[in-house]
Amino acid sequence: MFTLDDKEYDENKISENGKMALSRLQQIQTNQNKIKLEFDHTNILIKHYMAILQKEIESNKVNT
């Protein structure tokens, strides 16, 4: 079973072409979720290192 437009369908009742499209779509969605997770992780790291840099600048009174 898979859901499309809020309706459930039996993948056994679609053509081979439809099954291939479903498989590709599932792979793409999995990749998209990994990319989103990596994006969120990099944002956390950016904030972390920016905070370290800001403390460094403040403690050493670095000016331009």
C-alpha atoms as a PDB file:
ATOM      1  CA  MET A   1       0.000   0.000   0.000  1.00  0.00           C
ATOM      2  CA  PHE A   2       1.084   3.536  -0.701  1.00  0.00           C
ATOM      3  CA  THR A   3      -0.545   6.912  -0.302  1.00  0.00           C
ATOM      4  CA  LEU A   4      -0.940   9.451  -3.087  1.00  0.00           C
ATOM      5  CA  ASP A   5      -3.007  12.614  -2.698  1.00  0.00           C
ATOM      6  CA  ASP A   6      -4.346  11.354   0.645  1.00  0.00           C
ATOM      7  CA  LYS A   7      -5.669   8.145  -0.929  1.00  0.00           C
ATOM      8  CA  GLU A   8      -4.287   4.661  -0.365  1.00  0.00           C
ATOM      9  CA  TYR A   9      -3.479   2.382  -3.278  1.00  0.00           C
ATOM     10  CA  ASP A  10      -2.330  -1.210  -3.658  1.00  0.00           C
ATOM     11  CA  GLU A  11       1.011  -1.231  -5.469  1.00  0.00           C
ATOM     12  CA  ASN A  12       0.240  -4.742  -6.707  1.00  0.00           C
ATOM     13  CA  LYS A  13      -2.522  -3.290  -8.861  1.00  0.00           C
ATOM     14  CA  ILE A  14      -0.359  -0.862 -10.827  1.00  0.00           C
ATOM     15  CA  SER A  15       1.705  -1.541 -13.931  1.00  0.00           C
ATOM     16  CA  GLU A  16       5.438  -2.225 -13.934  1.00  0.00           C
ATOM     17  CA  ASN A  17       5.938   1.341 -15.116  1.00  0.00           C
ATOM     18  CA  GLY A  18       3.887   2.563 -12.157  1.00  0.00           C
ATOM     19  CA  LYS A  19       5.882   0.332  -9.781  1.00  0.00           C
ATOM     20  CA  MET A  20       9.125   1.750 -11.144  1.00  0.00           C
ATOM     21  CA  ALA A  21       7.844   5.304 -10.689  1.00  0.00           C
ATOM     22  CA  LEU A  22       6.778   4.467  -7.132  1.00  0.00           C
ATOM     23  CA  SER A  23      10.184   2.970  -6.362  1.00  0.00           C
ATOM     24  CA  ARG A  24      11.992   6.007  -7.780  1.00  0.00           C
ATOM     25  CA  LEU A  25       9.726   8.351  -5.841  1.00  0.00           C
ATOM     26  CA  GLN A  26      10.428   6.484  -2.611  1.00  0.00           C
ATOM     27  CA  GLN A  27      14.187   6.654  -3.273  1.00  0.00           C
ATOM     28  CA  ILE A  28      13.984  10.369  -3.978  1.00  0.00           C
ATOM     29  CA  GLN A  29      11.979  10.975  -0.802  1.00  0.00           C
ATOM     30  CA  THR A  30      14.532   9.011   1.221  1.00  0.00           C
ATOM     31  CA  ASN A  31      17.348  11.070  -0.287  1.00  0.00           C
ATOM     32  CA  GLN A  32      15.435  14.276   0.362  1.00  0.00           C
ATOM     33  CA  ASN A  33      14.995  13.330   4.023  1.00  0.00           C
ATOM     34  CA  LYS A  34      18.733  12.640   4.332  1.00  0.00           C
ATOM     35  CA  ILE A  35      19.523  15.998   2.745  1.00  0.00           C
ATOM     36  CA  LYS A  36      17.134  17.798   5.095  1.00  0.00           C
ATOM     37  CA  LEU A  37      18.736  16.078   8.079  1.00  0.00           C
ATOM     38  CA  GLU A  38      22.206  17.028   6.866  1.00  0.00           C
ATOM     39  CA  PHE A  39      21.040  20.609   6.278  1.00  0.00           C
ATOM     40  CA  ASP A  40      19.676  20.824   9.823  1.00  0.00           C
ATOM     41  CA  HIS A  41      22.901  19.374  11.184  1.00  0.00           C
ATOM     42  CA  THR A  42      25.046  21.883   9.296  1.00  0.00           C
ATOM     43  CA  ASN A  43      22.887  24.748  10.584  1.00  0.00           C
ATOM     44  CA  ILE A  44      23.504  23.554  14.138  1.00  0.00           C
ATOM     45  CA  LEU A  45      27.244  23.422  13.473  1.00  0.00           C
ATOM     46  CA  ILE A  46      27.219  26.900  11.918  1.00  0.00           C
ATOM     47  CA  LYS A  47      25.501  28.339  14.999  1.00  0.00           C
ATOM     48  CA  HIS A  48      27.923  26.510  17.284  1.00  0.00           C
ATOM     49  CA  TYR A  49      31.056  27.786  15.555  1.00  0.00           C
ATOM     50  CA  MET A  50      29.639  31.296  15.153  1.00  0.00           C
ATOM     51  CA  ALA A  51      29.045  31.403  18.905  1.00  0.00           C
ATOM     52  CA  ILE A  52      32.644  30.307  19.539  1.00  0.00           C
ATOM     53  CA  LEU A  53      33.925  32.944  17.125  1.00  0.00           C
ATOM     54  CA  GLN A  54      31.774  35.655  18.697  1.00  0.00           C
ATOM     55  CA  LYS A  55      33.113  34.794  22.168  1.00  0.00           C
ATOM     56  CA  GLU A  56      36.650  34.862  20.797  1.00  0.00           C
ATOM     57  CA  ILE A  57      36.117  38.271  19.241  1.00  0.00           C
ATOM     58  CA  GLU A  58      34.508  39.662  22.386  1.00  0.00           C
ATOM     59  CA  SER A  59      37.164  38.294  24.730  1.00  0.00           C
ATOM     60  CA  ASN A  60      40.013  39.645  22.602  1.00  0.00           C
ATOM     61  CA  LYS A  61      38.194  42.834  21.626  1.00  0.00           C
ATOM     62  CA  VAL A  62      38.989  42.291  17.988  1.00  0.00           C
ATOM     63  CA  ASN A  63      38.042  45.214  15.815  1.00  0.00           C
ATOM     64  CA  THR A  64      38.047  45.730  12.085  1.00  0.00           C
END
